Protein backbone atom coordinates (compact mmCIF):
# COMPACT_ATOMS: atom_id res chain seq x y z
CA MET A 1 -29.03 -35.01 -29.10
CA ILE A 2 -31.31 -33.59 -26.31
CA GLU A 3 -31.74 -30.39 -25.78
CA VAL A 4 -30.80 -28.97 -22.39
CA LEU A 5 -33.02 -26.28 -21.19
CA TYR A 6 -34.11 -25.47 -17.43
CA ARG A 7 -37.30 -23.61 -16.38
CA ALA A 8 -37.90 -21.83 -12.92
CA MET A 9 -40.00 -18.50 -11.18
CA THR A 10 -38.18 -15.56 -10.63
CA ILE A 11 -37.87 -14.52 -7.36
CA ARG A 12 -39.24 -11.05 -8.43
CA SER A 13 -42.37 -11.31 -10.74
CA ARG A 14 -42.92 -15.48 -9.62
CA LYS A 15 -43.03 -15.94 -13.52
CA MET A 16 -41.59 -19.14 -15.61
CA VAL A 17 -37.74 -18.25 -17.06
CA TYR A 18 -35.88 -20.47 -19.19
CA GLY A 19 -32.75 -20.94 -19.81
CA PHE A 20 -29.53 -21.98 -17.19
CA PRO A 21 -29.52 -22.38 -14.06
CA ILE A 22 -25.85 -20.84 -12.68
CA GLU A 23 -24.79 -20.43 -8.49
CA ILE A 24 -23.33 -16.87 -7.98
CA ASP A 25 -22.29 -16.46 -4.17
CA GLY A 26 -24.65 -18.69 -2.97
CA GLN A 27 -27.87 -16.97 -4.94
CA MET A 28 -29.14 -18.88 -7.67
CA TYR A 29 -30.02 -17.28 -11.19
CA MET A 30 -30.72 -18.65 -14.67
CA TYR A 31 -28.47 -17.02 -17.34
CA ILE A 32 -30.87 -16.45 -20.50
CA ALA A 33 -29.36 -16.87 -23.65
CA GLY A 34 -30.17 -15.85 -27.23
CA SER A 35 -31.84 -12.19 -26.85
CA GLU A 36 -29.82 -9.10 -27.63
CA ASN A 37 -28.94 -8.23 -24.11
CA HIS A 38 -27.96 -11.64 -22.57
CA ARG A 39 -29.53 -11.42 -18.96
CA MET A 40 -29.39 -13.57 -15.89
CA ILE A 41 -32.69 -13.63 -13.55
CA ARG A 42 -32.60 -14.31 -9.53
CA ILE A 43 -34.64 -17.37 -9.24
CA ASP A 44 -36.45 -19.73 -6.45
CA PRO A 45 -33.84 -22.50 -6.72
CA GLU A 46 -37.12 -25.04 -5.33
CA THR A 47 -38.81 -24.78 -8.78
CA LEU A 48 -35.52 -25.42 -10.83
CA GLY A 49 -36.88 -27.74 -13.38
CA GLN A 50 -34.86 -30.09 -16.26
CA TYR A 51 -36.32 -30.39 -19.64
CA ILE A 52 -37.11 -34.13 -19.90
CA GLY A 53 -36.28 -34.19 -23.37
CA ARG A 54 -39.88 -35.18 -24.72
CA LYS A 55 -42.53 -33.21 -25.91
CA ASP A 56 -46.54 -33.21 -25.11
CA ARG A 57 -49.48 -34.19 -27.93
CA ASN A 58 -49.65 -30.64 -28.27
CA GLY A 59 -45.60 -30.35 -29.03
CA LYS A 60 -45.10 -28.56 -25.49
CA LYS A 61 -42.04 -29.35 -24.05
CA VAL A 62 -42.11 -31.12 -20.61
CA PHE A 63 -40.11 -30.33 -17.31
CA ALA A 64 -39.97 -31.91 -14.25
CA GLY A 65 -42.41 -30.45 -11.92
CA ASP A 66 -45.07 -30.68 -14.98
CA ILE A 67 -48.54 -32.12 -14.52
CA LEU A 68 -50.02 -34.37 -16.63
CA LYS A 69 -53.08 -36.01 -17.66
CA GLU A 70 -52.63 -38.83 -20.23
CA TYR A 71 -55.91 -39.12 -22.29
CA PRO A 72 -57.49 -43.00 -23.44
CA PRO A 73 -54.49 -44.44 -25.12
CA ASN A 74 -55.37 -46.10 -28.35
CA LYS A 75 -55.64 -49.92 -28.44
CA TYR A 76 -51.66 -50.14 -29.67
CA VAL A 77 -50.28 -48.62 -26.64
CA TYR A 78 -50.31 -50.24 -23.01
CA THR A 79 -50.13 -48.47 -20.01
CA THR A 80 -51.11 -48.78 -16.61
CA CYS A 81 -50.95 -45.14 -15.77
CA THR A 82 -54.12 -42.39 -16.30
CA GLY A 83 -53.10 -39.63 -14.44
CA PRO A 84 -53.03 -36.93 -13.42
CA PHE A 85 -49.70 -37.69 -12.59
CA GLN A 86 -46.48 -35.43 -11.60
CA ILE A 87 -42.87 -35.85 -13.56
CA LEU A 88 -39.73 -35.88 -11.33
CA TYR A 89 -36.19 -36.78 -10.77
CA TYR A 90 -35.57 -39.66 -8.57
CA ASP A 91 -32.87 -42.03 -8.65
CA CYS A 92 -30.85 -41.27 -11.43
CA SER A 93 -33.62 -40.92 -13.95
CA PHE A 94 -37.16 -38.77 -14.90
CA GLN A 95 -39.76 -40.52 -13.31
CA TYR A 96 -43.64 -40.07 -13.24
CA SER A 97 -45.72 -40.01 -9.80
CA GLU A 98 -49.51 -40.77 -8.96
CA ARG A 99 -48.86 -40.62 -5.62
CA ARG A 100 -47.14 -38.21 -3.12
CA SER A 101 -44.83 -40.70 -1.92
CA GLY A 102 -41.64 -41.41 -4.12
CA LYS A 103 -41.79 -45.16 -3.90
CA TYR A 104 -45.36 -44.72 -6.11
CA SER A 105 -43.11 -43.50 -9.35
CA ARG A 106 -41.49 -45.27 -11.92
CA PRO A 107 -39.27 -44.45 -14.75
CA ILE A 108 -41.17 -42.81 -17.76
CA ASP A 109 -39.01 -45.09 -20.41
CA ASP A 110 -40.01 -48.31 -18.29
CA CYS A 111 -41.55 -50.88 -21.55
CA GLU A 112 -43.88 -52.69 -19.28
CA ASP A 113 -45.62 -50.16 -17.29
CA GLY A 114 -44.04 -46.91 -19.20
CA ILE A 115 -46.43 -43.88 -19.85
CA GLU A 116 -46.61 -42.28 -23.51
CA ILE A 117 -45.87 -38.94 -23.73
CA ASP A 118 -46.94 -37.80 -26.68
CA ILE A 119 -50.64 -38.97 -25.71
CA CYS A 120 -50.28 -37.09 -22.65
CA GLU A 121 -50.95 -33.35 -22.14
CA VAL A 122 -49.16 -30.93 -19.66
CA LEU A 123 -51.98 -29.85 -17.42
CA GLY A 124 -49.59 -27.33 -15.47
CA ASN A 125 -46.86 -27.57 -12.90
CA ILE A 126 -46.40 -27.43 -9.08
CA HIS A 127 -45.68 -24.43 -9.19
CA GLU A 128 -47.72 -22.20 -10.93
CA ASN A 129 -51.01 -24.78 -10.42
CA PRO A 130 -50.43 -26.05 -7.06
CA GLU A 131 -54.67 -26.74 -7.07
CA LEU A 132 -53.94 -28.90 -9.62
CA LEU A 133 -52.13 -31.61 -7.10
CA GLU A 134 -55.55 -31.66 -5.06
CA GLU A 135 -56.89 -34.04 -7.71
CA LEU A 136 -53.13 -35.70 -7.81
CA TYR A 137 -53.10 -36.54 -4.09
CA GLU A 138 -56.96 -37.29 -3.20
CA ASN A 139 -56.67 -41.31 -3.68
């Protein structure tokens, strides 16, 4: 079963929080369960990203909006993507993109040209590390 989890930046502290998004009176909140006092924190909806159900080579969860780098694949792995690349949700699936335009994106699970998430490393995300996008978009 895929774990359902979301991540977003808080409005006040601009730090990432993890939980479940809820809209109340036009405002977005993250419901954070598991703590002694369940709580809701107001979030920036533009930074909301869903866990894609995969982990990188270090065991870190990968979310939409993350920027990953693929390390040289071993001889058993075929891929055309070397990264860095951005994880995004597009056309009803999680995809990766090496370019600013969505037309260059490919589904993560594409057998022919897909990427192997487990040989990649999360470098950061588009919200906390916008400088990583410079390398992504310079070509």
